[in-house]
Amino acid sequence: MPIKYYDAPEIKKQVDQLAQECEFYHVVPQFVFCVRSKGSKARRTIARIHGLGKIWQGVLNLPPSYTIEVISEVYDKMSPEDKEKTLIHELMHIPGGFSGGFRPHKGYVERKNVELVYKKLQSDRAAKRRLNSK
């Protein structure tokens, strides 16, 4: 069965919220798209990010854009916490210049850094809940 892609508005909503809450202010929400794939043969892959390369940006006269793909067979079975960490991981690949390129795993998009961002996110959410309950 060939891989199929489906629009994922619920992932898009979560990605936009995470970009804001994690203070990834360089991420331009209207140029980040989200899809769910089914039928991928990838092993050990939960999600991936695709960028619109410079040549396509120039030829098509389009701005830099990114697509976050979640692999349904793996992603959908995960806990909500692991899903958030996965999306944070993918967002961390987007460089500060939002150019269509990527930040590498080594030295930046590593588990320890994803965990740091996630812990800060949880702390900020808890603080917000405390403020709202007063």
N, C-alpha and C. Protein backbone atom coordinates (compact mmCIF):
# COMPACT_ATOMS: atom_id res chain seq x y z
N MET A 1 0.85 -1.19 0.00
CA MET A 1 0.00 0.00 0.00
C MET A 1 0.89 1.24 0.00
N PRO A 2 0.70 2.16 -0.93
CA PRO A 2 1.51 3.38 -0.95
C PRO A 2 1.12 4.31 0.21
N ILE A 3 2.06 5.14 0.57
CA ILE A 3 1.81 6.08 1.66
C ILE A 3 0.74 7.08 1.22
N LYS A 4 -0.16 7.40 2.13
CA LYS A 4 -1.21 8.38 1.86
C LYS A 4 -1.13 9.47 2.92
N TYR A 5 -1.47 10.68 2.50
CA TYR A 5 -1.40 11.84 3.39
C TYR A 5 -2.79 12.43 3.57
N TYR A 6 -3.08 12.84 4.80
CA TYR A 6 -4.37 13.41 5.14
C TYR A 6 -4.16 14.70 5.92
N ASP A 7 -5.01 15.66 5.66
CA ASP A 7 -4.97 16.90 6.42
C ASP A 7 -5.16 16.57 7.90
N ALA A 8 -4.47 17.29 8.78
CA ALA A 8 -4.54 17.02 10.22
C ALA A 8 -4.79 18.32 10.98
N PRO A 9 -6.02 18.84 10.92
CA PRO A 9 -6.30 20.13 11.58
C PRO A 9 -6.09 20.09 13.09
N GLU A 10 -6.32 18.94 13.72
CA GLU A 10 -6.12 18.86 15.18
C GLU A 10 -4.64 18.93 15.53
N ILE A 11 -3.78 18.40 14.67
CA ILE A 11 -2.33 18.50 14.88
C ILE A 11 -1.90 19.94 14.65
N LYS A 12 -2.43 20.56 13.61
CA LYS A 12 -2.10 21.96 13.30
C LYS A 12 -2.45 22.86 14.48
N LYS A 13 -3.62 22.66 15.06
CA LYS A 13 -4.04 23.47 16.21
C LYS A 13 -3.06 23.28 17.37
N GLN A 14 -2.66 22.05 17.61
CA GLN A 14 -1.73 21.76 18.70
C GLN A 14 -0.34 22.35 18.40
N VAL A 15 0.12 22.25 17.17
CA VAL A 15 1.41 22.80 16.78
C VAL A 15 1.43 24.32 16.96
N ASP A 16 0.38 24.99 16.52
CA ASP A 16 0.30 26.44 16.68
C ASP A 16 0.33 26.83 18.16
N GLN A 17 -0.41 26.09 18.98
CA GLN A 17 -0.45 26.37 20.41
C GLN A 17 0.92 26.12 21.04
N LEU A 18 1.56 25.02 20.69
CA LEU A 18 2.88 24.71 21.25
C LEU A 18 3.91 25.76 20.83
N ALA A 19 3.88 26.19 19.59
CA ALA A 19 4.83 27.21 19.13
C ALA A 19 4.69 28.48 19.96
N GLN A 20 3.45 28.84 20.26
CA GLN A 20 3.21 30.03 21.08
C GLN A 20 3.63 29.80 22.53
N GLU A 21 3.18 28.71 23.12
CA GLU A 21 3.48 28.43 24.52
C GLU A 21 4.97 28.20 24.78
N CYS A 22 5.66 27.62 23.81
CA CYS A 22 7.10 27.35 23.97
C CYS A 22 7.96 28.54 23.55
N GLU A 23 7.29 29.61 23.17
CA GLU A 23 7.95 30.85 22.78
C GLU A 23 8.87 30.68 21.57
N PHE A 24 8.40 29.89 20.61
CA PHE A 24 9.10 29.75 19.34
C PHE A 24 8.56 30.85 18.43
N TYR A 25 8.92 32.08 18.76
CA TYR A 25 8.35 33.23 18.07
C TYR A 25 8.79 33.35 16.61
N HIS A 26 9.85 32.65 16.24
CA HIS A 26 10.32 32.67 14.86
C HIS A 26 9.43 31.83 13.94
N VAL A 27 8.62 30.96 14.51
CA VAL A 27 7.74 30.09 13.72
C VAL A 27 6.55 30.91 13.22
N VAL A 28 6.34 30.90 11.92
CA VAL A 28 5.25 31.65 11.31
C VAL A 28 4.08 30.67 11.09
N PRO A 29 3.06 30.72 11.96
CA PRO A 29 1.99 29.70 11.92
C PRO A 29 1.33 29.50 10.57
N GLN A 30 1.10 30.57 9.81
CA GLN A 30 0.39 30.40 8.54
C GLN A 30 1.23 29.68 7.49
N PHE A 31 2.53 29.46 7.77
CA PHE A 31 3.38 28.73 6.83
C PHE A 31 3.90 27.42 7.42
N VAL A 32 3.19 26.91 8.43
CA VAL A 32 3.47 25.58 8.97
C VAL A 32 2.20 24.76 8.76
N PHE A 33 2.34 23.67 8.04
CA PHE A 33 1.21 22.81 7.70
C PHE A 33 1.39 21.46 8.38
N CYS A 34 0.31 20.76 8.60
CA CYS A 34 0.38 19.47 9.30
C CYS A 34 -0.43 18.42 8.55
N VAL A 35 0.19 17.24 8.44
CA VAL A 35 -0.48 16.11 7.80
C VAL A 35 -0.27 14.86 8.64
N ARG A 36 -1.17 13.93 8.45
CA ARG A 36 -1.07 12.60 9.06
C ARG A 36 -0.86 11.65 7.89
N SER A 37 0.14 10.78 8.01
CA SER A 37 0.38 9.81 6.94
C SER A 37 0.00 8.41 7.41
N LYS A 38 -0.40 7.61 6.46
CA LYS A 38 -0.70 6.20 6.70
C LYS A 38 -0.02 5.39 5.62
N GLY A 39 0.56 4.26 6.04
CA GLY A 39 1.20 3.38 5.08
C GLY A 39 2.69 3.58 4.95
N SER A 40 3.30 4.36 5.83
CA SER A 40 4.74 4.58 5.77
C SER A 40 5.49 3.30 6.13
N LYS A 41 6.57 3.05 5.45
CA LYS A 41 7.42 1.89 5.74
C LYS A 41 8.54 2.27 6.71
N ALA A 42 8.58 3.53 7.12
CA ALA A 42 9.65 3.99 8.01
C ALA A 42 9.61 3.22 9.33
N ARG A 43 10.79 2.87 9.80
CA ARG A 43 10.93 2.20 11.09
C ARG A 43 11.54 3.20 12.07
N ARG A 44 11.08 3.17 13.29
CA ARG A 44 11.60 4.04 14.35
C ARG A 44 11.32 5.52 14.09
N THR A 45 10.43 5.84 13.20
CA THR A 45 10.09 7.24 12.92
C THR A 45 8.67 7.49 13.38
N ILE A 46 8.51 8.55 14.18
CA ILE A 46 7.21 8.92 14.72
C ILE A 46 6.61 10.06 13.90
N ALA A 47 7.48 11.00 13.55
CA ALA A 47 7.06 12.19 12.81
C ALA A 47 8.29 12.72 12.07
N ARG A 48 8.04 13.58 11.11
CA ARG A 48 9.14 14.22 10.41
C ARG A 48 8.68 15.58 9.91
N ILE A 49 9.66 16.42 9.63
CA ILE A 49 9.36 17.76 9.14
C ILE A 49 9.96 17.92 7.75
N HIS A 50 9.21 18.55 6.88
CA HIS A 50 9.64 18.80 5.51
C HIS A 50 9.67 20.30 5.30
N GLY A 51 10.70 20.78 4.65
CA GLY A 51 10.80 22.21 4.35
C GLY A 51 10.68 22.45 2.86
N LEU A 52 10.19 23.61 2.51
CA LEU A 52 10.14 24.00 1.11
C LEU A 52 11.49 24.64 0.79
N GLY A 53 12.30 23.92 0.04
CA GLY A 53 13.66 24.36 -0.26
C GLY A 53 13.71 25.68 -1.02
N LYS A 54 14.89 26.29 -0.97
CA LYS A 54 15.10 27.60 -1.60
C LYS A 54 14.74 27.59 -3.09
N ILE A 55 15.10 26.52 -3.79
CA ILE A 55 14.83 26.51 -5.22
C ILE A 55 13.33 26.54 -5.49
N TRP A 56 12.55 25.77 -4.71
CA TRP A 56 11.09 25.76 -4.87
C TRP A 56 10.50 27.10 -4.46
N GLN A 57 11.04 27.69 -3.41
CA GLN A 57 10.55 29.01 -3.00
C GLN A 57 10.73 30.02 -4.14
N GLY A 58 11.90 29.98 -4.77
CA GLY A 58 12.18 30.92 -5.85
C GLY A 58 11.37 30.66 -7.10
N VAL A 59 11.34 29.42 -7.54
CA VAL A 59 10.63 29.07 -8.78
C VAL A 59 9.13 29.30 -8.65
N LEU A 60 8.57 28.95 -7.50
CA LEU A 60 7.12 29.09 -7.30
C LEU A 60 6.73 30.43 -6.68
N ASN A 61 7.73 31.24 -6.36
CA ASN A 61 7.49 32.54 -5.72
C ASN A 61 6.66 32.38 -4.45
N LEU A 62 7.11 31.45 -3.58
CA LEU A 62 6.43 31.17 -2.33
C LEU A 62 7.37 31.45 -1.15
N PRO A 63 6.79 31.78 -0.01
CA PRO A 63 7.62 32.01 1.18
C PRO A 63 8.12 30.68 1.75
N PRO A 64 9.11 30.71 2.63
CA PRO A 64 9.53 29.49 3.30
C PRO A 64 8.34 28.86 4.03
N SER A 65 8.24 27.55 3.92
CA SER A 65 7.12 26.83 4.53
C SER A 65 7.61 25.49 5.04
N TYR A 66 6.89 24.96 6.01
CA TYR A 66 7.22 23.67 6.59
C TYR A 66 5.96 22.82 6.70
N THR A 67 6.14 21.51 6.58
CA THR A 67 5.05 20.57 6.82
C THR A 67 5.51 19.57 7.86
N ILE A 68 4.74 19.46 8.93
CA ILE A 68 5.00 18.45 9.94
C ILE A 68 4.10 17.26 9.62
N GLU A 69 4.74 16.12 9.45
CA GLU A 69 4.03 14.87 9.15
C GLU A 69 4.10 13.97 10.37
N VAL A 70 2.95 13.52 10.85
CA VAL A 70 2.93 12.51 11.91
C VAL A 70 2.56 11.18 11.27
N ILE A 71 3.29 10.15 11.64
CA ILE A 71 3.05 8.82 11.08
C ILE A 71 2.01 8.13 11.95
N SER A 72 0.83 8.04 11.42
CA SER A 72 -0.35 7.62 12.16
C SER A 72 -0.18 6.31 12.91
N GLU A 73 0.43 5.34 12.27
CA GLU A 73 0.56 4.01 12.89
C GLU A 73 1.33 4.05 14.20
N VAL A 74 2.22 5.01 14.35
CA VAL A 74 3.03 5.13 15.57
C VAL A 74 2.48 6.24 16.47
N TYR A 75 2.33 7.42 15.89
CA TYR A 75 1.95 8.62 16.65
C TYR A 75 0.61 8.45 17.37
N ASP A 76 -0.37 7.91 16.69
CA ASP A 76 -1.71 7.82 17.27
C ASP A 76 -1.78 6.93 18.50
N LYS A 77 -0.83 6.04 18.69
CA LYS A 77 -0.82 5.13 19.85
C LYS A 77 -0.10 5.73 21.06
N MET A 78 0.51 6.88 20.89
CA MET A 78 1.33 7.47 21.94
C MET A 78 0.49 8.19 22.99
N SER A 79 1.10 8.41 24.15
CA SER A 79 0.45 9.18 25.21
C SER A 79 0.40 10.66 24.80
N PRO A 80 -0.52 11.43 25.37
CA PRO A 80 -0.57 12.87 25.07
C PRO A 80 0.77 13.57 25.35
N GLU A 81 1.43 13.17 26.43
CA GLU A 81 2.74 13.77 26.77
C GLU A 81 3.77 13.50 25.68
N ASP A 82 3.85 12.25 25.23
CA ASP A 82 4.82 11.91 24.18
C ASP A 82 4.47 12.56 22.85
N LYS A 83 3.19 12.74 22.58
CA LYS A 83 2.78 13.43 21.36
C LYS A 83 3.26 14.89 21.40
N GLU A 84 3.10 15.54 22.54
CA GLU A 84 3.57 16.93 22.67
C GLU A 84 5.08 17.01 22.50
N LYS A 85 5.79 16.10 23.12
CA LYS A 85 7.25 16.10 22.99
C LYS A 85 7.67 15.87 21.54
N THR A 86 6.95 15.03 20.84
CA THR A 86 7.26 14.77 19.43
C THR A 86 7.05 16.04 18.60
N LEU A 87 5.96 16.74 18.84
CA LEU A 87 5.71 17.97 18.08
C LEU A 87 6.71 19.06 18.43
N ILE A 88 7.08 19.15 19.71
CA ILE A 88 8.12 20.10 20.12
C ILE A 88 9.42 19.78 19.38
N HIS A 89 9.76 18.50 19.34
CA HIS A 89 10.97 18.06 18.63
C HIS A 89 10.95 18.55 17.18
N GLU A 90 9.84 18.35 16.50
CA GLU A 90 9.74 18.77 15.10
C GLU A 90 9.83 20.29 14.96
N LEU A 91 9.17 21.02 15.85
CA LEU A 91 9.24 22.48 15.81
C LEU A 91 10.66 22.99 16.06
N MET A 92 11.41 22.28 16.88
CA MET A 92 12.79 22.69 17.17
C MET A 92 13.69 22.59 15.94
N HIS A 93 13.30 21.83 14.95
CA HIS A 93 14.08 21.73 13.71
C HIS A 93 13.99 23.02 12.88
N ILE A 94 12.98 23.85 13.13
CA ILE A 94 12.81 25.08 12.35
C ILE A 94 13.80 26.13 12.85
N PRO A 95 14.69 26.62 11.98
CA PRO A 95 15.70 27.58 12.42
C PRO A 95 15.11 28.96 12.70
N GLY A 96 15.87 29.73 13.45
CA GLY A 96 15.44 31.07 13.85
C GLY A 96 15.10 31.98 12.68
N GLY A 97 15.74 31.77 11.55
CA GLY A 97 15.47 32.60 10.37
C GLY A 97 14.26 32.18 9.57
N PHE A 98 13.64 31.05 9.94
CA PHE A 98 12.47 30.52 9.22
C PHE A 98 12.70 30.59 7.71
N SER A 99 13.80 29.94 7.29
CA SER A 99 14.28 30.07 5.91
C SER A 99 13.88 28.92 4.99
N GLY A 100 13.37 27.85 5.55
CA GLY A 100 13.09 26.66 4.75
C GLY A 100 14.09 25.56 5.06
N GLY A 101 15.17 25.91 5.75
CA GLY A 101 16.19 24.93 6.14
C GLY A 101 15.84 24.28 7.47
N PHE A 102 16.83 23.59 8.05
CA PHE A 102 16.59 22.83 9.27
C PHE A 102 17.73 22.99 10.27
N ARG A 103 17.38 22.88 11.55
CA ARG A 103 18.39 22.74 12.60
C ARG A 103 18.66 21.24 12.74
N PRO A 104 19.93 20.88 12.98
CA PRO A 104 20.28 19.46 13.07
C PRO A 104 19.95 18.87 14.43
N HIS A 105 19.95 17.54 14.49
CA HIS A 105 19.78 16.86 15.77
C HIS A 105 20.97 17.15 16.67
N LYS A 106 22.16 16.93 16.14
CA LYS A 106 23.37 17.04 16.95
C LYS A 106 23.57 18.48 17.44
N GLY A 107 23.59 18.63 18.74
CA GLY A 107 23.86 19.93 19.33
C GLY A 107 22.64 20.79 19.57
N TYR A 108 21.49 20.42 19.04
CA TYR A 108 20.32 21.26 19.27
C TYR A 108 19.05 20.43 19.47
N VAL A 109 18.61 19.73 18.45
CA VAL A 109 17.35 18.99 18.55
C VAL A 109 17.67 17.60 19.14
N GLU A 110 17.98 17.61 20.42
CA GLU A 110 18.32 16.40 21.14
C GLU A 110 17.31 16.18 22.25
N ARG A 111 17.20 14.94 22.69
CA ARG A 111 16.23 14.58 23.72
C ARG A 111 16.31 15.49 24.96
N LYS A 112 17.54 15.76 25.42
CA LYS A 112 17.68 16.58 26.63
C LYS A 112 17.12 17.99 26.42
N ASN A 113 17.29 18.55 25.23
CA ASN A 113 16.76 19.88 24.95
C ASN A 113 15.24 19.87 24.80
N VAL A 114 14.72 18.81 24.19
CA VAL A 114 13.26 18.67 24.10
C VAL A 114 12.68 18.57 25.51
N GLU A 115 13.33 17.79 26.37
CA GLU A 115 12.87 17.64 27.76
C GLU A 115 12.90 18.98 28.50
N LEU A 116 13.93 19.78 28.28
CA LEU A 116 14.01 21.09 28.92
C LEU A 116 12.85 21.99 28.49
N VAL A 117 12.58 22.02 27.19
CA VAL A 117 11.47 22.83 26.66
C VAL A 117 10.14 22.31 27.24
N TYR A 118 9.99 20.99 27.28
CA TYR A 118 8.75 20.40 27.78
C TYR A 118 8.55 20.71 29.28
N LYS A 119 9.61 20.62 30.05
CA LYS A 119 9.50 20.92 31.50
C LYS A 119 9.13 22.38 31.72
N LYS A 120 9.72 23.29 30.93
CA LYS A 120 9.37 24.70 31.05
C LYS A 120 7.91 24.91 30.66
N LEU A 121 7.46 24.23 29.62
CA LEU A 121 6.07 24.32 29.18
C LEU A 121 5.14 23.89 30.31
N GLN A 122 5.45 22.77 30.95
CA GLN A 122 4.62 22.26 32.05
C GLN A 122 4.61 23.24 33.22
N SER A 123 5.76 23.80 33.52
CA SER A 123 5.88 24.77 34.61
C SER A 123 5.05 26.03 34.32
N ASP A 124 5.16 26.52 33.09
CA ASP A 124 4.40 27.72 32.69
C ASP A 124 2.90 27.45 32.73
N ARG A 125 2.49 26.28 32.31
CA ARG A 125 1.07 25.93 32.35
C ARG A 125 0.56 25.85 33.79
N ALA A 126 1.36 25.27 34.67
CA ALA A 126 0.97 25.17 36.08
C ALA A 126 0.85 26.56 36.70
N ALA A 127 1.78 27.44 36.39
CA ALA A 127 1.74 28.81 36.91
C ALA A 127 0.50 29.53 36.41
N LYS A 128 0.17 29.32 35.14
CA LYS A 128 -1.03 29.95 34.56
C LYS A 128 -2.29 29.45 35.23
N ARG A 129 -2.33 28.13 35.51
CA ARG A 129 -3.51 27.57 36.19
C ARG A 129 -3.64 28.16 37.61
N ARG A 130 -2.52 28.31 38.29
CA ARG A 130 -2.56 28.89 39.65
C ARG A 130 -3.08 30.32 39.60
N LEU A 131 -2.63 31.09 38.63
CA LEU A 131 -3.10 32.48 38.49
C LEU A 131 -4.60 32.52 38.18
N ASN A 132 -5.05 31.63 37.32
CA ASN A 132 -6.46 31.62 36.93
C ASN A 132 -7.38 31.11 38.03
N SER A 133 -6.84 30.36 38.97
CA SER A 133 -7.68 29.82 40.04
C SER A 133 -7.82 30.80 41.21
N LYS A 134 -7.10 31.89 41.16
CA LYS A 134 -7.20 32.89 42.25
C LYS A 134 -8.35 33.83 42.04
